[in-house]
Amino acid sequence: MCFVFFSFNGITQSDTLQNTYRKSVIGKIGLGYVWAEYGAVFEYKFHYSKKSNFKLGAHLGGSYYGFEETGGLALYTGLVGITGGKNSHFEFTVGANWALTGDAAGEWEYIPAGTLGYRYQKPFGRFIWRAGVGWPFWMNAGIGVGFN
């Protein structure tokens, strides 16, 4: 699990996206049938719809995964959508993992990825907790911090 600490200064409206910090760092873990991963992801929200209270952003991250008797590094990129205006949010991600295989050849393998989940983050709250289900890791969870 990854814990990140920052020091913060004052907040201006241009730094935020409708009661939410634009940037986040989230430590994550994921479990599948015979594999597991842990890592961190950076999130940047770039769009907000006042009518539907929908936020759209991008994820970029990395992790270490274990698969049966081998393991390796993985890079993740994708889009994240967040709905909800108070403390509870529905979150979905769609993207791709590029996994570096643990064999001698060390080749990169493309794996489509996506999640559906719950996200707890108060308006202008720095603390983030999320949990969900998806592919390639069936269950995933993370904690993080929002900042500008």
N, C-alpha and C. Protein backbone atom coordinates (compact mmCIF):
# COMPACT_ATOMS: atom_id res chain seq x y z
N MET A 1 0.85 -1.16 0.00
CA MET A 1 0.00 0.00 0.00
C MET A 1 0.90 1.23 0.00
N CYS A 2 0.48 2.24 -0.67
CA CYS A 2 1.30 3.44 -0.81
C CYS A 2 0.65 4.58 -0.03
N PHE A 3 1.38 5.21 0.84
CA PHE A 3 0.91 6.37 1.58
C PHE A 3 1.70 7.58 1.12
N VAL A 4 1.01 8.68 0.86
CA VAL A 4 1.66 9.88 0.35
C VAL A 4 1.27 11.05 1.24
N PHE A 5 2.25 11.85 1.63
CA PHE A 5 2.00 13.02 2.48
C PHE A 5 2.46 14.28 1.74
N PHE A 6 1.67 15.34 1.83
CA PHE A 6 1.98 16.61 1.18
C PHE A 6 1.72 17.74 2.16
N SER A 7 2.30 18.91 1.90
CA SER A 7 1.90 20.11 2.62
C SER A 7 1.10 20.96 1.64
N PHE A 8 0.10 21.67 2.13
CA PHE A 8 -0.83 22.38 1.26
C PHE A 8 -0.88 23.86 1.61
N ASN A 9 -1.16 24.66 0.59
CA ASN A 9 -1.38 26.09 0.76
C ASN A 9 -2.85 26.39 0.52
N GLY A 10 -3.22 27.68 0.43
CA GLY A 10 -4.61 28.09 0.23
C GLY A 10 -5.17 27.59 -1.09
N ILE A 11 -6.50 27.55 -1.17
CA ILE A 11 -7.20 27.04 -2.34
C ILE A 11 -7.90 28.20 -3.03
N THR A 12 -7.83 28.25 -4.34
CA THR A 12 -8.60 29.21 -5.11
C THR A 12 -9.56 28.45 -6.01
N GLN A 13 -10.62 29.10 -6.47
CA GLN A 13 -11.62 28.44 -7.30
C GLN A 13 -11.00 27.91 -8.59
N SER A 14 -9.99 28.59 -9.13
CA SER A 14 -9.37 28.10 -10.37
C SER A 14 -8.61 26.80 -10.15
N ASP A 15 -8.24 26.50 -8.90
CA ASP A 15 -7.52 25.26 -8.59
C ASP A 15 -8.45 24.07 -8.45
N THR A 16 -9.75 24.30 -8.39
CA THR A 16 -10.68 23.23 -8.11
C THR A 16 -11.61 23.00 -9.30
N LEU A 17 -12.27 21.87 -9.27
CA LEU A 17 -13.24 21.52 -10.30
C LEU A 17 -14.54 21.18 -9.59
N GLN A 18 -15.37 22.18 -9.34
CA GLN A 18 -16.65 22.03 -8.67
C GLN A 18 -16.54 21.22 -7.39
N ASN A 19 -15.97 21.82 -6.37
CA ASN A 19 -15.86 21.25 -5.03
C ASN A 19 -14.95 20.03 -4.93
N THR A 20 -14.09 19.81 -5.89
CA THR A 20 -13.19 18.67 -5.88
C THR A 20 -11.81 19.14 -6.32
N TYR A 21 -10.79 18.63 -5.67
CA TYR A 21 -9.44 18.94 -6.12
C TYR A 21 -9.20 18.29 -7.48
N ARG A 22 -8.49 19.00 -8.35
CA ARG A 22 -8.24 18.49 -9.70
C ARG A 22 -7.30 17.30 -9.71
N LYS A 23 -6.35 17.24 -8.78
CA LYS A 23 -5.32 16.20 -8.81
C LYS A 23 -5.46 15.29 -7.60
N SER A 24 -5.11 14.02 -7.81
CA SER A 24 -5.14 13.04 -6.73
C SER A 24 -4.02 12.04 -6.94
N VAL A 25 -3.52 11.50 -5.83
CA VAL A 25 -2.62 10.35 -5.86
C VAL A 25 -3.29 9.29 -5.01
N ILE A 26 -3.44 8.08 -5.59
CA ILE A 26 -4.15 7.01 -4.91
C ILE A 26 -3.28 5.76 -4.89
N GLY A 27 -3.01 5.24 -3.71
CA GLY A 27 -2.36 3.94 -3.57
C GLY A 27 -3.40 2.87 -3.74
N LYS A 28 -3.08 1.76 -4.45
CA LYS A 28 -4.11 0.76 -4.74
C LYS A 28 -3.58 -0.65 -4.57
N ILE A 29 -4.52 -1.55 -4.31
CA ILE A 29 -4.23 -2.98 -4.33
C ILE A 29 -5.32 -3.63 -5.16
N GLY A 30 -5.02 -4.74 -5.79
CA GLY A 30 -5.99 -5.47 -6.59
C GLY A 30 -5.78 -6.96 -6.45
N LEU A 31 -6.87 -7.72 -6.46
CA LEU A 31 -6.80 -9.17 -6.35
C LEU A 31 -7.59 -9.81 -7.48
N GLY A 32 -7.03 -10.86 -8.06
CA GLY A 32 -7.70 -11.64 -9.09
C GLY A 32 -7.71 -13.10 -8.71
N TYR A 33 -7.97 -13.97 -9.67
CA TYR A 33 -8.05 -15.41 -9.41
C TYR A 33 -6.72 -15.98 -8.94
N VAL A 34 -5.65 -15.75 -9.67
CA VAL A 34 -4.32 -16.25 -9.29
C VAL A 34 -3.27 -15.13 -9.34
N TRP A 35 -3.69 -13.88 -9.24
CA TRP A 35 -2.75 -12.78 -9.31
C TRP A 35 -3.14 -11.67 -8.33
N ALA A 36 -2.20 -10.81 -8.09
CA ALA A 36 -2.42 -9.66 -7.21
C ALA A 36 -1.53 -8.52 -7.67
N GLU A 37 -1.86 -7.30 -7.30
CA GLU A 37 -1.05 -6.14 -7.67
C GLU A 37 -1.11 -5.11 -6.55
N TYR A 38 -0.08 -4.27 -6.51
CA TYR A 38 -0.13 -3.09 -5.66
C TYR A 38 0.65 -1.99 -6.38
N GLY A 39 0.20 -0.77 -6.21
CA GLY A 39 0.85 0.34 -6.91
C GLY A 39 0.22 1.66 -6.56
N ALA A 40 0.42 2.64 -7.42
CA ALA A 40 -0.12 3.98 -7.22
C ALA A 40 -0.55 4.55 -8.56
N VAL A 41 -1.52 5.44 -8.51
CA VAL A 41 -2.02 6.08 -9.72
C VAL A 41 -2.16 7.58 -9.47
N PHE A 42 -1.81 8.37 -10.47
CA PHE A 42 -2.02 9.82 -10.45
C PHE A 42 -3.27 10.10 -11.26
N GLU A 43 -4.14 10.96 -10.75
CA GLU A 43 -5.40 11.28 -11.42
C GLU A 43 -5.49 12.79 -11.63
N TYR A 44 -5.92 13.20 -12.82
CA TYR A 44 -6.14 14.61 -13.11
C TYR A 44 -7.53 14.77 -13.72
N LYS A 45 -8.40 15.53 -13.06
CA LYS A 45 -9.75 15.77 -13.57
C LYS A 45 -9.74 17.02 -14.46
N PHE A 46 -10.28 16.89 -15.67
CA PHE A 46 -10.22 18.02 -16.61
C PHE A 46 -11.57 18.48 -17.12
N HIS A 47 -12.66 17.81 -16.79
CA HIS A 47 -13.98 18.23 -17.28
C HIS A 47 -15.02 18.06 -16.18
N TYR A 48 -15.97 19.03 -16.13
CA TYR A 48 -17.07 18.95 -15.18
C TYR A 48 -18.35 19.42 -15.85
N SER A 49 -19.43 18.64 -15.69
CA SER A 49 -20.74 19.02 -16.21
C SER A 49 -21.63 19.39 -15.03
N LYS A 50 -22.02 20.68 -14.94
CA LYS A 50 -22.89 21.13 -13.84
C LYS A 50 -24.26 20.47 -13.91
N LYS A 51 -24.75 20.25 -15.11
CA LYS A 51 -26.09 19.69 -15.29
C LYS A 51 -26.20 18.29 -14.69
N SER A 52 -25.21 17.45 -14.92
CA SER A 52 -25.29 16.06 -14.45
C SER A 52 -24.34 15.77 -13.29
N ASN A 53 -23.56 16.76 -12.85
CA ASN A 53 -22.59 16.58 -11.77
C ASN A 53 -21.63 15.44 -12.09
N PHE A 54 -21.11 15.43 -13.30
CA PHE A 54 -20.22 14.40 -13.80
C PHE A 54 -18.82 14.98 -14.00
N LYS A 55 -17.82 14.31 -13.49
CA LYS A 55 -16.43 14.74 -13.66
C LYS A 55 -15.70 13.70 -14.50
N LEU A 56 -14.84 14.15 -15.40
CA LEU A 56 -14.07 13.26 -16.25
C LEU A 56 -12.60 13.59 -16.07
N GLY A 57 -11.78 12.57 -15.98
CA GLY A 57 -10.36 12.77 -15.77
C GLY A 57 -9.54 11.67 -16.41
N ALA A 58 -8.24 11.75 -16.18
CA ALA A 58 -7.30 10.77 -16.72
C ALA A 58 -6.49 10.15 -15.58
N HIS A 59 -6.16 8.88 -15.74
CA HIS A 59 -5.32 8.14 -14.79
C HIS A 59 -3.99 7.79 -15.45
N LEU A 60 -2.94 7.81 -14.68
CA LEU A 60 -1.64 7.33 -15.12
C LEU A 60 -0.96 6.73 -13.91
N GLY A 61 -0.52 5.49 -13.99
CA GLY A 61 0.06 4.87 -12.81
C GLY A 61 0.93 3.69 -13.13
N GLY A 62 1.45 3.10 -12.07
CA GLY A 62 2.29 1.93 -12.20
C GLY A 62 2.07 1.01 -11.02
N SER A 63 2.43 -0.25 -11.21
CA SER A 63 2.24 -1.22 -10.14
C SER A 63 3.19 -2.40 -10.33
N TYR A 64 3.26 -3.20 -9.30
CA TYR A 64 3.96 -4.48 -9.37
C TYR A 64 2.89 -5.55 -9.23
N TYR A 65 2.93 -6.58 -10.08
CA TYR A 65 1.94 -7.64 -10.01
C TYR A 65 2.62 -8.98 -9.83
N GLY A 66 1.90 -9.89 -9.21
CA GLY A 66 2.34 -11.26 -9.06
C GLY A 66 1.36 -12.18 -9.74
N PHE A 67 1.85 -13.14 -10.52
CA PHE A 67 1.01 -14.08 -11.25
C PHE A 67 1.59 -15.47 -11.07
N GLU A 68 0.86 -16.33 -10.35
CA GLU A 68 1.34 -17.67 -10.02
C GLU A 68 2.75 -17.59 -9.45
N GLU A 69 3.77 -18.06 -10.17
CA GLU A 69 5.14 -18.05 -9.65
C GLU A 69 6.00 -16.92 -10.22
N THR A 70 5.42 -16.06 -11.01
CA THR A 70 6.18 -14.98 -11.63
C THR A 70 5.53 -13.64 -11.29
N GLY A 71 6.13 -12.58 -11.72
CA GLY A 71 5.58 -11.25 -11.50
C GLY A 71 6.29 -10.25 -12.39
N GLY A 72 5.92 -9.00 -12.27
CA GLY A 72 6.55 -7.99 -13.09
C GLY A 72 5.95 -6.62 -12.84
N LEU A 73 6.36 -5.70 -13.67
CA LEU A 73 5.88 -4.32 -13.59
C LEU A 73 4.74 -4.11 -14.56
N ALA A 74 3.86 -3.19 -14.23
CA ALA A 74 2.75 -2.84 -15.11
C ALA A 74 2.57 -1.33 -15.11
N LEU A 75 2.25 -0.79 -16.27
CA LEU A 75 1.88 0.61 -16.41
C LEU A 75 0.41 0.67 -16.74
N TYR A 76 -0.28 1.70 -16.23
CA TYR A 76 -1.71 1.83 -16.44
C TYR A 76 -2.02 3.23 -16.93
N THR A 77 -2.91 3.32 -17.91
CA THR A 77 -3.41 4.60 -18.36
C THR A 77 -4.89 4.44 -18.71
N GLY A 78 -5.66 5.48 -18.53
CA GLY A 78 -7.08 5.38 -18.83
C GLY A 78 -7.85 6.63 -18.44
N LEU A 79 -9.16 6.55 -18.65
CA LEU A 79 -10.08 7.63 -18.30
C LEU A 79 -10.86 7.23 -17.06
N VAL A 80 -11.19 8.21 -16.24
CA VAL A 80 -12.00 7.98 -15.05
C VAL A 80 -13.20 8.92 -15.10
N GLY A 81 -14.37 8.38 -14.79
CA GLY A 81 -15.59 9.17 -14.68
C GLY A 81 -16.12 9.08 -13.27
N ILE A 82 -16.55 10.22 -12.72
CA ILE A 82 -17.01 10.27 -11.34
C ILE A 82 -18.34 11.02 -11.30
N THR A 83 -19.35 10.44 -10.66
CA THR A 83 -20.64 11.10 -10.48
C THR A 83 -20.89 11.29 -8.99
N GLY A 84 -21.82 12.15 -8.68
CA GLY A 84 -22.18 12.40 -7.28
C GLY A 84 -21.62 13.73 -6.81
N GLY A 85 -22.38 14.41 -5.95
CA GLY A 85 -21.97 15.74 -5.53
C GLY A 85 -21.63 15.91 -4.07
N LYS A 86 -21.93 14.94 -3.25
CA LYS A 86 -21.65 15.09 -1.82
C LYS A 86 -20.47 14.20 -1.45
N ASN A 87 -20.62 13.31 -0.50
CA ASN A 87 -19.51 12.47 -0.05
C ASN A 87 -19.36 11.18 -0.86
N SER A 88 -20.47 10.61 -1.32
CA SER A 88 -20.46 9.32 -2.01
C SER A 88 -20.51 9.52 -3.52
N HIS A 89 -19.68 8.77 -4.23
CA HIS A 89 -19.58 8.90 -5.68
C HIS A 89 -19.56 7.52 -6.33
N PHE A 90 -20.13 7.43 -7.53
CA PHE A 90 -19.95 6.27 -8.39
C PHE A 90 -18.77 6.58 -9.28
N GLU A 91 -17.87 5.63 -9.44
CA GLU A 91 -16.66 5.84 -10.23
C GLU A 91 -16.49 4.71 -11.23
N PHE A 92 -16.10 5.05 -12.45
CA PHE A 92 -15.75 4.02 -13.42
C PHE A 92 -14.45 4.41 -14.11
N THR A 93 -13.69 3.42 -14.49
CA THR A 93 -12.47 3.65 -15.26
C THR A 93 -12.46 2.73 -16.47
N VAL A 94 -11.85 3.17 -17.53
CA VAL A 94 -11.63 2.35 -18.72
C VAL A 94 -10.26 2.72 -19.25
N GLY A 95 -9.47 1.71 -19.57
CA GLY A 95 -8.12 1.98 -20.03
C GLY A 95 -7.38 0.72 -20.38
N ALA A 96 -6.07 0.75 -20.17
CA ALA A 96 -5.22 -0.37 -20.54
C ALA A 96 -4.07 -0.51 -19.57
N ASN A 97 -3.68 -1.75 -19.33
CA ASN A 97 -2.45 -2.08 -18.61
C ASN A 97 -1.44 -2.58 -19.62
N TRP A 98 -0.21 -2.16 -19.45
CA TRP A 98 0.89 -2.75 -20.21
C TRP A 98 1.78 -3.43 -19.20
N ALA A 99 1.79 -4.76 -19.24
CA ALA A 99 2.52 -5.55 -18.24
C ALA A 99 3.82 -6.05 -18.84
N LEU A 100 4.90 -5.86 -18.10
CA LEU A 100 6.20 -6.40 -18.48
C LEU A 100 6.28 -7.80 -17.91
N THR A 101 6.35 -8.79 -18.79
CA THR A 101 6.34 -10.18 -18.33
C THR A 101 7.60 -10.50 -17.54
N GLY A 102 7.46 -11.41 -16.61
CA GLY A 102 8.57 -11.77 -15.75
C GLY A 102 9.51 -12.81 -16.35
N ASP A 103 9.28 -13.22 -17.60
CA ASP A 103 10.16 -14.23 -18.19
C ASP A 103 11.44 -13.58 -18.72
N ALA A 104 12.33 -14.40 -19.25
CA ALA A 104 13.64 -13.92 -19.71
C ALA A 104 13.52 -12.95 -20.88
N ALA A 105 12.48 -13.10 -21.71
CA ALA A 105 12.31 -12.21 -22.87
C ALA A 105 11.93 -10.80 -22.44
N GLY A 106 11.21 -10.68 -21.34
CA GLY A 106 10.82 -9.37 -20.82
C GLY A 106 10.01 -8.54 -21.79
N GLU A 107 8.96 -9.14 -22.38
CA GLU A 107 8.13 -8.44 -23.36
C GLU A 107 6.96 -7.75 -22.68
N TRP A 108 6.48 -6.65 -23.29
CA TRP A 108 5.32 -5.93 -22.78
C TRP A 108 4.06 -6.57 -23.35
N GLU A 109 3.06 -6.77 -22.50
CA GLU A 109 1.80 -7.37 -22.91
C GLU A 109 0.68 -6.38 -22.64
N TYR A 110 -0.18 -6.16 -23.64
CA TYR A 110 -1.33 -5.25 -23.51
C TYR A 110 -2.50 -6.00 -22.88
N ILE A 111 -3.11 -5.41 -21.85
CA ILE A 111 -4.27 -6.00 -21.19
C ILE A 111 -5.33 -4.91 -21.03
N PRO A 112 -6.52 -5.05 -21.67
CA PRO A 112 -7.58 -4.07 -21.45
C PRO A 112 -7.99 -4.06 -19.97
N ALA A 113 -8.38 -2.89 -19.47
CA ALA A 113 -8.70 -2.77 -18.05
C ALA A 113 -9.90 -1.86 -17.85
N GLY A 114 -10.63 -2.12 -16.78
CA GLY A 114 -11.76 -1.27 -16.42
C GLY A 114 -12.27 -1.62 -15.04
N THR A 115 -12.89 -0.65 -14.37
CA THR A 115 -13.45 -0.88 -13.04
C THR A 115 -14.78 -0.13 -12.89
N LEU A 116 -15.60 -0.63 -11.98
CA LEU A 116 -16.80 0.05 -11.50
C LEU A 116 -16.68 0.05 -9.98
N GLY A 117 -16.97 1.20 -9.36
CA GLY A 117 -16.78 1.19 -7.93
C GLY A 117 -17.39 2.37 -7.20
N TYR A 118 -17.14 2.37 -5.91
CA TYR A 118 -17.60 3.40 -4.98
C TYR A 118 -16.39 4.24 -4.57
N ARG A 119 -16.61 5.53 -4.46
CA ARG A 119 -15.55 6.45 -4.03
C ARG A 119 -16.11 7.37 -2.96
N TYR A 120 -15.39 7.46 -1.85
CA TYR A 120 -15.77 8.38 -0.78
C TYR A 120 -14.78 9.54 -0.78
N GLN A 121 -15.31 10.75 -0.99
CA GLN A 121 -14.50 11.96 -0.93
C GLN A 121 -15.43 13.13 -0.66
N LYS A 122 -15.23 13.81 0.46
CA LYS A 122 -16.06 14.97 0.80
C LYS A 122 -15.76 16.12 -0.16
N PRO A 123 -16.73 17.03 -0.36
CA PRO A 123 -16.44 18.23 -1.14
C PRO A 123 -15.25 18.97 -0.53
N PHE A 124 -14.28 19.30 -1.31
CA PHE A 124 -13.01 19.90 -0.89
C PHE A 124 -12.28 19.03 0.12
N GLY A 125 -12.62 17.75 0.17
CA GLY A 125 -11.93 16.85 1.08
C GLY A 125 -10.66 16.31 0.44
N ARG A 126 -9.63 16.18 1.22
CA ARG A 126 -8.36 15.66 0.72
C ARG A 126 -8.32 14.14 0.74
N PHE A 127 -9.00 13.50 1.70
CA PHE A 127 -8.96 12.06 1.84
C PHE A 127 -9.86 11.38 0.81
N ILE A 128 -9.35 10.32 0.17
CA ILE A 128 -10.09 9.54 -0.82
C ILE A 128 -10.02 8.08 -0.40
N TRP A 129 -11.16 7.40 -0.41
CA TRP A 129 -11.20 5.96 -0.23
C TRP A 129 -12.05 5.41 -1.36
N ARG A 130 -11.56 4.35 -2.01
CA ARG A 130 -12.32 3.77 -3.12
C ARG A 130 -12.23 2.26 -3.09
N ALA A 131 -13.27 1.62 -3.61
CA ALA A 131 -13.32 0.16 -3.72
C ALA A 131 -14.17 -0.18 -4.93
N GLY A 132 -13.80 -1.27 -5.62
CA GLY A 132 -14.56 -1.62 -6.80
C GLY A 132 -14.27 -3.02 -7.30
N VAL A 133 -14.89 -3.32 -8.42
CA VAL A 133 -14.70 -4.58 -9.12
C VAL A 133 -14.32 -4.25 -10.56
N GLY A 134 -13.63 -5.17 -11.22
CA GLY A 134 -13.26 -4.89 -12.60
C GLY A 134 -12.40 -5.97 -13.21
N TRP A 135 -11.71 -5.58 -14.26
CA TRP A 135 -10.82 -6.47 -15.00
C TRP A 135 -9.52 -5.74 -15.24
N PRO A 136 -8.36 -6.31 -15.10
CA PRO A 136 -8.07 -7.72 -14.86
C PRO A 136 -8.08 -8.11 -13.39
N PHE A 137 -8.21 -7.15 -12.48
CA PHE A 137 -8.26 -7.50 -11.06
C PHE A 137 -9.69 -7.41 -10.59
N TRP A 138 -10.23 -8.52 -10.11
CA TRP A 138 -11.64 -8.62 -9.78
C TRP A 138 -12.04 -7.70 -8.67
N MET A 139 -11.22 -7.59 -7.63
CA MET A 139 -11.51 -6.72 -6.50
C MET A 139 -10.35 -5.74 -6.36
N ASN A 140 -10.67 -4.48 -6.12
CA ASN A 140 -9.61 -3.50 -5.93
C ASN A 140 -10.04 -2.47 -4.90
N ALA A 141 -9.06 -1.89 -4.25
CA ALA A 141 -9.32 -0.87 -3.23
C ALA A 141 -8.14 0.08 -3.21
N GLY A 142 -8.36 1.28 -2.68
CA GLY A 142 -7.29 2.24 -2.59
C GLY A 142 -7.60 3.37 -1.65
N ILE A 143 -6.56 4.01 -1.16
CA ILE A 143 -6.71 5.23 -0.39
C ILE A 143 -5.80 6.27 -1.03
N GLY A 144 -6.19 7.52 -0.90
CA GLY A 144 -5.40 8.56 -1.54
C GLY A 144 -5.65 9.92 -0.95
N VAL A 145 -5.07 10.92 -1.64
CA VAL A 145 -5.16 12.30 -1.20
C VAL A 145 -5.40 13.18 -2.43
N GLY A 146 -6.28 14.19 -2.27
CA GLY A 146 -6.53 15.17 -3.32
C GLY A 146 -5.71 16.42 -3.06
N PHE A 147 -5.24 17.06 -4.14
CA PHE A 147 -4.45 18.28 -3.99
C PHE A 147 -4.50 19.08 -5.28
N ASN A 148 -3.90 20.27 -5.24
CA ASN A 148 -3.80 21.13 -6.43
C ASN A 148 -2.36 21.51 -6.69
